[in-house]
Amino acid sequence: MHPKALLDESTRLIEKVFKFDHPADAVVARHFRENKALGPRERATLSDTVYAVLRERLKLEWLARSGTGSKWRRLAILGFPGDRDFLKSALTDPEKTWLDACARVTDGDFLAPHRHNLPEWLAQALRDQVGKEFDALATSLNQPAPLDLRVNTLKMKRDAAVTELKAAGLAAQATPFSPWGVRLQDKANLGKLPLFINGGIEVQDEGSQLLALLMDAKRGEMVADFCAGAGGKTLAIGASMRNSGRLYAFDTSAHRLDAIKPRLARSGLSNVHPVAIAHERDERVKRLAGKMDRVLVDAPCSGLGTLRRSPDLKWRQTPETVAAQAELQGRILASAARLVKPGGRLVYATCSLLPQENEAVAGAFTREHPDFEVLPVSALLAAAHVVDSDQLVAGEGGCFLRLWPHRHATDGFFAAVWTKKP
């Protein structure tokens, strides 16, 4: 595609995404479906441009003020990746002069918001938690995430998977904490890899894998993934059960559950039973009350721990949406707890960095449910042979899992674990 046409296409796509009425990945995917003539290189450039602008919005909007013409075009120019000469071939002479002036701006010229590129309410909430680490955290949140994989232990061992990935020309290495994880530093077309096609690996962040380890689901047990989504944790739990017992994958979205089906087919699992429910109090849930050995509540949340992958979330979430999420999380956790049998385990998790969705929800549940006892996450991770597990916990006695992108190179995750008293 001609540089001018590619820049024009980037401009149109950025304007669509910045309406913020749908997730950015959904808007980009729909744009590609509607423009099938776009090739892989054009799609990669468009996607990279959009996500660069989302990550550095405040900085780029400040730079864009000194230019002329459409705001969306100026943002597209500033976020455009790769060869500057290729980009400049699409620009007018005044635009080239302006872009050169932008390139001469140094970090010292920017205010703090331009450097951290977070809405102020979120920046303050994170500063309150990590203090002097805030700059490191903000930097990590604005970097693209590596690609983490989980090895399907039903089919192979991690060392064999790493060897096969390296033989395919990929820079693969074992993740530092999860015994199932492999990290790729570069993008890869997994869809063409026999290892992926045959179900030997699945895409799953290392932090998400640790949540499945906290479940510690055993052969022959009755287990529920209460908010299964597209099933990444469900598949990990099913493999840890060695494809035995019964694993329910509940979700209120039948569409999301449909995404599990091809993954199940690759995985070789036959113990997973997807169930679409109307809400957390659905009759199909009530019938299983008191029967589950393990229940995972990976609750709907703000997703602010995943900004490396979904930078639009920081512009789409507000303190009001976070408060509404926290209320919903409490209701879902209380409903899911009814499934747990005496002696069973309940795991609550989010991919949020905010205490309102994490410690506050867990603390309220503990106070309101005296029949549940907190299990220290530190001991559970050590029992699961997680290396350096003491680095991953927070709270008195290591009672919570707390993962931070700048400390652990994972998405931001939280988890609390309880057992139901006999």
Protein backbone atom coordinates (compact mmCIF):
# COMPACT_ATOMS: atom_id res chain seq x y z
CA MET A 1 0.00 0.00 0.00
CA HIS A 2 1.22 3.52 -0.83
CA PRO A 3 2.48 5.40 2.27
CA LYS A 4 -0.16 8.12 1.88
CA ALA A 5 -2.97 5.56 1.69
CA LEU A 6 -1.59 3.71 4.71
CA LEU A 7 -1.39 6.91 6.75
CA ASP A 8 -4.94 7.84 5.72
CA GLU A 9 -6.14 4.39 6.80
CA SER A 10 -4.36 4.77 10.15
CA THR A 11 -6.06 8.14 10.65
CA ARG A 12 -9.51 6.69 10.04
CA LEU A 13 -8.88 3.78 12.38
CA ILE A 14 -7.57 5.96 15.21
CA GLU A 15 -10.67 8.15 14.99
CA LYS A 16 -12.86 5.03 15.29
CA VAL A 17 -10.94 3.65 18.27
CA PHE A 18 -10.95 6.99 20.12
CA LYS A 19 -14.73 7.01 20.36
CA PHE A 20 -14.10 4.45 23.15
CA ASP A 21 -17.54 2.91 22.72
CA HIS A 22 -16.01 -0.57 22.22
CA PRO A 23 -12.70 -2.24 23.19
CA ALA A 24 -9.86 -1.26 20.88
CA ASP A 25 -9.10 -4.82 19.82
CA ALA A 26 -12.73 -5.31 18.77
CA VAL A 27 -12.74 -2.07 16.75
CA VAL A 28 -9.47 -2.99 15.02
CA ALA A 29 -10.66 -6.53 14.27
CA ARG A 30 -13.92 -5.23 12.80
CA HIS A 31 -12.02 -2.71 10.66
CA PHE A 32 -9.90 -5.51 9.25
CA ARG A 33 -12.98 -7.63 8.51
CA GLU A 34 -14.52 -4.70 6.65
CA ASN A 35 -11.31 -4.05 4.69
CA LYS A 36 -10.24 -7.49 3.51
CA ALA A 37 -7.83 -6.07 0.92
CA LEU A 38 -5.44 -5.09 3.72
CA GLY A 39 -2.45 -7.43 3.78
CA PRO A 40 -0.54 -8.70 6.84
CA ARG A 41 2.02 -5.89 6.72
CA GLU A 42 -0.64 -3.19 6.42
CA ARG A 43 -2.61 -4.71 9.29
CA ALA A 44 0.49 -4.87 11.48
CA THR A 45 1.31 -1.21 10.75
CA LEU A 46 -2.26 -0.08 11.46
CA SER A 47 -2.43 -2.04 14.69
CA ASP A 48 0.98 -0.83 15.88
CA THR A 49 0.04 2.78 15.14
CA VAL A 50 -3.25 2.58 17.05
CA TYR A 51 -1.69 0.95 20.09
CA ALA A 52 1.26 3.36 20.14
CA VAL A 53 -1.18 6.27 20.26
CA LEU A 54 -3.26 4.62 22.98
CA ARG A 55 -0.17 3.95 25.11
CA GLU A 56 1.27 7.45 24.81
CA ARG A 57 -1.93 9.43 24.36
CA LEU A 58 -1.17 12.35 26.70
CA LYS A 59 2.34 12.82 25.34
CA LEU A 60 1.28 12.59 21.70
CA GLU A 61 -1.75 14.84 22.15
CA TRP A 62 0.54 17.47 23.71
CA LEU A 63 2.93 17.23 20.73
CA ALA A 64 0.02 17.24 18.28
CA ARG A 65 -1.16 20.66 19.49
CA SER A 66 1.72 22.33 17.68
CA GLY A 67 0.69 20.87 14.32
CA THR A 68 -2.10 21.72 11.91
CA GLY A 69 -4.84 19.77 10.20
CA SER A 70 -6.84 16.85 11.54
CA LYS A 71 -6.04 15.85 15.13
CA TRP A 72 -6.38 12.19 14.16
CA ARG A 73 -3.90 12.56 11.29
CA ARG A 74 -1.40 14.28 13.59
CA LEU A 75 -1.73 11.43 16.10
CA ALA A 76 -1.34 8.86 13.33
CA ILE A 77 1.86 10.58 12.17
CA LEU A 78 3.30 10.64 15.69
CA GLY A 79 2.39 7.00 16.38
CA PHE A 80 3.41 5.62 12.97
CA PRO A 81 6.05 2.88 13.41
CA GLY A 82 9.17 2.07 11.47
CA ASP A 83 11.03 3.93 8.75
CA ARG A 84 10.80 7.75 9.05
CA ASP A 85 11.64 8.19 5.37
CA PHE A 86 8.71 5.92 4.41
CA LEU A 87 6.40 8.03 6.59
CA LYS A 88 7.75 11.34 5.33
CA SER A 89 7.00 10.34 1.77
CA ALA A 90 3.31 10.66 2.74
CA LEU A 91 3.67 14.07 4.38
CA THR A 92 3.45 17.65 3.20
CA ASP A 93 6.46 19.91 3.68
CA PRO A 94 4.89 21.68 6.71
CA GLU A 95 4.14 18.28 8.25
CA LYS A 96 7.75 17.18 7.77
CA THR A 97 9.00 20.34 9.46
CA TRP A 98 6.57 19.84 12.35
CA LEU A 99 7.55 16.16 12.78
CA ASP A 100 11.25 17.09 12.88
CA ALA A 101 10.49 19.67 15.57
CA CYS A 102 8.62 17.03 17.60
CA ALA A 103 11.64 14.74 17.36
CA ARG A 104 13.81 17.39 18.99
CA VAL A 105 11.62 17.51 22.12
CA THR A 106 13.40 15.86 25.06
CA ASP A 107 12.05 14.12 28.15
CA GLY A 108 12.87 17.20 30.19
CA ASP A 109 10.34 19.17 28.15
CA PHE A 110 7.46 16.92 29.21
CA LEU A 111 5.32 17.22 32.30
CA ALA A 112 4.78 14.14 34.50
CA PRO A 113 1.43 13.18 32.85
CA HIS A 114 3.11 13.21 29.43
CA ARG A 115 5.70 10.75 30.73
CA HIS A 116 3.41 8.31 32.55
CA ASN A 117 0.44 8.59 30.14
CA LEU A 118 -2.16 7.65 32.73
CA PRO A 119 -5.34 9.49 33.74
CA GLU A 120 -4.58 11.35 36.95
CA TRP A 121 -7.06 9.41 39.09
CA LEU A 122 -5.33 6.14 38.13
CA ALA A 123 -1.83 7.57 38.45
CA GLN A 124 -2.59 8.69 42.00
CA ALA A 125 -4.14 5.35 42.92
CA LEU A 126 -0.99 3.55 41.77
CA ARG A 127 1.35 6.03 43.45
CA ASP A 128 -0.46 5.44 46.72
CA GLN A 129 0.38 1.74 46.46
CA VAL A 130 3.90 1.57 45.06
CA GLY A 131 5.40 4.92 46.06
CA LYS A 132 8.87 5.39 44.60
CA GLU A 133 8.29 2.49 42.19
CA PHE A 134 5.60 4.45 40.36
CA ASP A 135 7.80 5.55 37.44
CA ALA A 136 9.00 1.98 36.89
CA LEU A 137 5.42 0.71 37.01
CA ALA A 138 4.16 3.37 34.60
CA THR A 139 6.99 2.59 32.19
CA SER A 140 6.23 -1.12 32.28
CA LEU A 141 2.52 -0.53 31.67
CA ASN A 142 3.37 1.44 28.54
CA GLN A 143 5.52 -1.31 27.04
CA PRO A 144 4.05 -4.07 24.83
CA ALA A 145 3.90 -7.38 26.67
CA PRO A 146 5.91 -10.41 25.56
CA LEU A 147 3.98 -13.48 24.47
CA ASP A 148 3.57 -16.06 27.23
CA LEU A 149 2.59 -19.64 26.50
CA ARG A 150 1.43 -22.49 28.71
CA VAL A 151 2.67 -25.97 27.91
CA ASN A 152 -0.11 -28.55 27.89
CA THR A 153 1.36 -31.07 30.30
CA LEU A 154 -1.10 -33.70 29.10
CA LYS A 155 0.86 -33.82 25.86
CA MET A 156 4.46 -32.84 26.59
CA LYS A 157 7.01 -31.42 29.00
CA ARG A 158 8.13 -27.81 29.03
CA ASP A 159 11.76 -28.55 28.03
CA ALA A 160 10.56 -30.35 24.92
CA ALA A 161 8.28 -27.45 24.00
CA VAL A 162 11.12 -24.92 24.41
CA THR A 163 13.36 -27.06 22.20
CA GLU A 164 10.68 -27.28 19.50
CA LEU A 165 10.00 -23.56 19.59
CA LYS A 166 13.70 -22.76 19.26
CA ALA A 167 13.94 -25.18 16.34
CA ALA A 168 11.17 -23.13 14.70
CA GLY A 169 13.38 -20.05 15.01
CA LEU A 170 11.66 -18.49 18.03
CA ALA A 171 13.51 -17.00 21.00
CA ALA A 172 11.81 -19.07 23.70
CA GLN A 173 12.71 -19.42 27.36
CA ALA A 174 11.09 -20.87 30.46
CA THR A 175 9.16 -18.40 32.59
CA PRO A 176 10.69 -17.75 36.02
CA PHE A 177 7.70 -18.63 38.20
CA SER A 178 5.18 -20.89 36.49
CA PRO A 179 6.46 -24.43 35.90
CA TRP A 180 4.23 -24.60 32.81
CA GLY A 181 5.24 -21.31 31.19
CA VAL A 182 7.30 -20.35 28.15
CA ARG A 183 8.00 -16.75 27.12
CA LEU A 184 8.54 -15.48 23.58
CA GLN A 185 10.07 -12.02 23.30
CA ASP A 186 8.98 -11.49 19.72
CA LYS A 187 5.68 -11.79 17.91
CA ALA A 188 4.99 -15.16 16.38
CA ASN A 189 2.37 -16.62 14.04
CA LEU A 190 1.43 -19.52 16.30
CA GLY A 191 -1.42 -20.61 14.07
CA LYS A 192 1.02 -22.26 11.66
CA LEU A 193 3.11 -24.04 14.31
CA PRO A 194 2.48 -27.80 14.61
CA LEU A 195 3.11 -27.42 18.36
CA PHE A 196 0.13 -25.08 18.62
CA ILE A 197 -2.08 -26.86 16.12
CA ASN A 198 -1.63 -30.14 18.00
CA GLY A 199 -2.47 -28.58 21.36
CA GLY A 200 0.99 -28.70 22.89
CA ILE A 201 0.89 -25.01 23.82
CA GLU A 202 -1.72 -22.34 24.54
CA VAL A 203 -1.39 -18.57 24.88
CA GLN A 204 -1.66 -17.63 28.57
CA ASP A 205 0.11 -14.99 30.64
CA GLU A 206 2.37 -16.41 33.35
CA GLY A 207 0.33 -14.67 36.03
CA SER A 208 -2.83 -16.34 34.82
CA GLN A 209 -1.07 -19.71 35.00
CA LEU A 210 -0.29 -19.09 38.68
CA LEU A 211 -4.01 -18.74 39.38
CA ALA A 212 -4.57 -22.25 38.05
CA LEU A 213 -1.74 -23.48 40.26
CA LEU A 214 -3.48 -21.97 43.30
CA MET A 215 -6.53 -24.07 42.52
CA ASP A 216 -4.42 -27.24 42.87
CA ALA A 217 -7.24 -29.25 41.30
CA LYS A 218 -6.82 -33.03 41.63
CA ARG A 219 -7.81 -36.08 39.64
CA GLY A 220 -11.47 -37.00 39.95
CA GLU A 221 -12.61 -33.77 41.65
CA MET A 222 -15.65 -31.60 40.95
CA VAL A 223 -14.38 -28.16 39.96
CA ALA A 224 -15.95 -24.95 38.68
CA ASP A 225 -14.42 -22.01 36.79
CA PHE A 226 -17.18 -19.55 37.61
CA CYS A 227 -16.28 -16.79 35.11
CA ALA A 228 -14.59 -18.88 32.44
CA GLY A 229 -14.54 -16.38 29.56
CA ALA A 230 -12.58 -17.82 26.64
CA GLY A 231 -11.27 -20.62 28.83
CA GLY A 232 -7.55 -20.06 29.30
CA LYS A 233 -7.61 -20.91 33.02
CA THR A 234 -10.20 -23.64 32.42
CA LEU A 235 -7.80 -25.45 30.11
CA ALA A 236 -4.94 -25.14 32.58
CA ILE A 237 -7.09 -26.50 35.41
CA GLY A 238 -8.35 -29.37 33.24
CA ALA A 239 -4.78 -30.39 32.43
CA SER A 240 -3.81 -30.29 36.12
CA MET A 241 -6.77 -32.64 36.77
CA ARG A 242 -5.18 -35.02 34.23
CA ASN A 243 -8.38 -34.95 32.17
CA SER A 244 -10.41 -36.66 34.90
CA GLY A 245 -13.25 -35.59 37.19
CA ARG A 246 -15.70 -32.90 36.07
CA LEU A 247 -14.81 -29.29 35.32
CA TYR A 248 -17.64 -26.79 34.78
CA ALA A 249 -16.89 -23.67 32.77
CA PHE A 250 -19.59 -21.13 33.68
CA ASP A 251 -20.05 -17.77 31.98
CA THR A 252 -22.88 -15.37 31.26
CA SER A 253 -21.74 -15.04 27.63
CA ALA A 254 -22.45 -17.99 25.35
CA HIS A 255 -20.34 -16.22 22.72
CA ARG A 256 -17.27 -16.24 24.98
CA LEU A 257 -17.86 -19.89 25.84
CA ASP A 258 -17.98 -20.74 22.14
CA ALA A 259 -14.35 -19.63 21.96
CA ILE A 260 -13.42 -22.52 24.25
CA LYS A 261 -14.55 -25.19 21.80
CA PRO A 262 -11.65 -25.08 19.29
CA ARG A 263 -9.20 -24.76 22.19
CA LEU A 264 -10.74 -27.80 23.85
CA ALA A 265 -10.44 -29.76 20.63
CA ARG A 266 -6.71 -28.98 20.43
CA SER A 267 -6.10 -29.63 24.13
CA GLY A 268 -7.37 -33.20 24.20
CA LEU A 269 -9.48 -32.46 27.30
CA SER A 270 -12.79 -34.27 27.69
CA ASN A 271 -13.60 -33.35 31.30
CA VAL A 272 -14.65 -29.74 30.59
CA HIS A 273 -18.36 -28.85 30.46
CA PRO A 274 -19.12 -25.29 29.27
CA VAL A 275 -22.38 -23.92 30.74
CA ALA A 276 -23.90 -20.55 29.79
CA ILE A 277 -25.76 -19.00 32.73
CA ALA A 278 -28.07 -15.99 32.90
CA HIS A 279 -26.49 -14.51 36.04
CA GLU A 280 -24.61 -15.54 39.18
CA ARG A 281 -27.83 -16.82 40.80
CA ASP A 282 -28.86 -19.05 37.88
CA GLU A 283 -30.77 -22.23 38.81
CA ARG A 284 -28.10 -24.36 37.16
CA VAL A 285 -25.65 -22.96 39.67
CA LYS A 286 -27.98 -23.51 42.63
CA ARG A 287 -28.32 -27.21 41.80
CA LEU A 288 -24.58 -27.67 42.35
CA ALA A 289 -24.49 -25.92 45.74
CA GLY A 290 -22.16 -27.59 48.21
CA LYS A 291 -20.80 -30.09 45.70
CA MET A 292 -17.58 -28.50 44.40
CA ASP A 293 -14.08 -29.38 45.58
CA ARG A 294 -12.63 -26.23 43.99
CA VAL A 295 -14.16 -23.02 42.66
CA LEU A 296 -12.31 -20.28 40.78
CA VAL A 297 -13.87 -16.82 40.58
CA ASP A 298 -11.80 -14.89 38.04
CA ALA A 299 -14.17 -11.97 38.36
CA PRO A 300 -15.06 -9.37 35.74
CA CYS A 301 -12.90 -6.37 36.57
CA SER A 302 -11.43 -3.13 35.26
CA GLY A 303 -8.60 -5.06 33.59
CA LEU A 304 -6.12 -2.35 34.58
CA GLY A 305 -3.44 -4.97 35.18
CA THR A 306 -3.46 -5.73 31.44
CA LEU A 307 -2.58 -2.26 30.11
CA ARG A 308 0.48 -3.67 28.34
CA ARG A 309 -1.96 -5.54 26.08
CA SER A 310 -5.08 -3.34 26.29
CA PRO A 311 -3.94 0.28 26.74
CA ASP A 312 -7.39 1.61 25.84
CA LEU A 313 -8.68 0.43 29.23
CA LYS A 314 -6.97 3.28 31.05
CA TRP A 315 -9.01 5.74 28.99
CA ARG A 316 -12.26 3.75 29.15
CA GLN A 317 -12.34 3.09 32.90
CA THR A 318 -13.26 5.67 35.57
CA PRO A 319 -13.51 5.64 39.37
CA GLU A 320 -17.25 5.14 38.90
CA THR A 321 -16.86 2.06 36.69
CA VAL A 322 -14.34 0.61 39.15
CA ALA A 323 -16.77 1.09 42.05
CA ALA A 324 -19.53 -0.61 40.05
CA GLN A 325 -17.19 -3.51 39.23
CA ALA A 326 -16.26 -3.96 42.88
CA GLU A 327 -19.92 -4.22 43.87
CA LEU A 328 -20.52 -6.82 41.17
CA GLN A 329 -17.40 -8.75 42.20
CA GLY A 330 -18.64 -9.04 45.76
CA ARG A 331 -21.98 -10.42 44.59
CA ILE A 332 -20.38 -12.93 42.24
CA LEU A 333 -17.92 -14.14 44.89
CA ALA A 334 -20.67 -14.64 47.46
CA SER A 335 -22.79 -16.56 44.95
CA ALA A 336 -19.92 -18.76 43.79
CA ALA A 337 -19.00 -19.57 47.40
CA ARG A 338 -22.27 -21.49 47.73
CA LEU A 339 -20.88 -24.13 45.38
CA VAL A 340 -17.97 -25.03 47.68
CA LYS A 341 -18.36 -28.12 49.82
CA PRO A 342 -16.94 -28.36 53.37
CA GLY A 343 -13.17 -28.71 53.09
CA GLY A 344 -13.26 -27.32 49.54
CA ARG A 345 -11.25 -24.40 48.16
CA LEU A 346 -12.38 -21.02 46.83
CA VAL A 347 -10.06 -18.77 44.79
CA TYR A 348 -10.94 -15.16 43.99
CA ALA A 349 -8.86 -13.40 41.33
CA THR A 350 -8.76 -10.28 39.19
CA CYS A 351 -6.42 -8.76 36.62
CA SER A 352 -6.74 -5.38 38.33
CA LEU A 353 -4.10 -3.36 40.18
CA LEU A 354 -6.60 -1.50 42.38
CA PRO A 355 -7.25 -2.41 46.03
CA GLN A 356 -10.96 -1.59 45.64
CA GLU A 357 -11.33 -4.65 43.40
CA ASN A 358 -8.82 -6.78 45.28
CA GLU A 359 -8.06 -6.55 49.00
CA ALA A 360 -11.31 -4.69 49.72
CA VAL A 361 -13.48 -7.35 48.07
CA ALA A 362 -11.53 -10.21 49.68
CA GLY A 363 -11.64 -8.55 53.10
CA ALA A 364 -15.38 -7.98 52.92
CA PHE A 365 -15.96 -11.61 51.96
CA THR A 366 -13.87 -12.86 54.89
CA ARG A 367 -15.79 -10.68 57.35
CA GLU A 368 -19.19 -11.69 55.99
CA HIS A 369 -18.48 -15.44 55.65
CA PRO A 370 -17.12 -16.83 58.92
CA ASP A 371 -17.56 -20.35 57.53
CA PHE A 372 -14.59 -19.67 55.21
CA GLU A 373 -10.98 -19.53 56.41
CA VAL A 374 -8.22 -17.66 54.59
CA LEU A 375 -5.41 -19.83 53.22
CA PRO A 376 -2.03 -18.05 52.94
CA VAL A 377 -1.06 -17.90 49.29
CA SER A 378 2.63 -18.03 50.19
CA ALA A 379 2.28 -21.58 51.51
CA LEU A 380 0.17 -22.69 48.55
CA LEU A 381 2.72 -21.41 46.01
CA ALA A 382 5.57 -23.06 47.89
CA ALA A 383 3.65 -26.35 47.90
CA ALA A 384 3.17 -25.99 44.13
CA HIS A 385 6.98 -25.68 43.75
CA VAL A 386 6.78 -22.11 42.44
CA VAL A 387 10.33 -20.70 42.49
CA ASP A 388 10.90 -17.54 44.56
CA SER A 389 7.24 -17.54 45.56
CA ASP A 390 7.93 -15.12 48.42
CA GLN A 391 8.37 -12.39 45.78
CA LEU A 392 4.79 -12.84 44.59
CA VAL A 393 2.79 -12.31 47.77
CA ALA A 394 1.45 -9.41 49.81
CA GLY A 395 -0.58 -8.88 52.95
CA GLU A 396 -0.06 -10.18 56.45
CA GLY A 397 1.51 -13.63 56.37
CA GLY A 398 1.65 -13.63 52.57
CA CYS A 399 -2.10 -14.09 52.37
CA PHE A 400 -2.56 -12.63 48.86
CA LEU A 401 -1.03 -13.15 45.43
CA ARG A 402 0.00 -9.72 44.10
CA LEU A 403 1.69 -9.53 40.70
CA TRP A 404 3.04 -6.28 39.24
CA PRO A 405 4.28 -5.83 35.65
CA HIS A 406 7.39 -3.89 36.69
CA ARG A 407 8.38 -6.42 39.36
CA HIS A 408 7.37 -9.74 37.86
CA ALA A 409 7.11 -9.13 34.07
CA THR A 410 3.56 -10.48 34.15
CA ASP A 411 0.22 -8.78 33.84
CA GLY A 412 -1.07 -7.33 37.09
CA PHE A 413 -2.94 -10.00 39.05
CA PHE A 414 -4.46 -10.45 42.49
CA ALA A 415 -5.73 -13.61 44.18
CA ALA A 416 -7.08 -14.62 47.57
CA VAL A 417 -7.82 -18.18 48.66
CA TRP A 418 -10.16 -19.66 51.28
CA THR A 419 -11.17 -23.10 52.44
CA LYS A 420 -14.68 -23.82 53.65
CA LYS A 421 -14.64 -25.02 57.24
CA PRO A 422 -15.93 -28.59 57.81
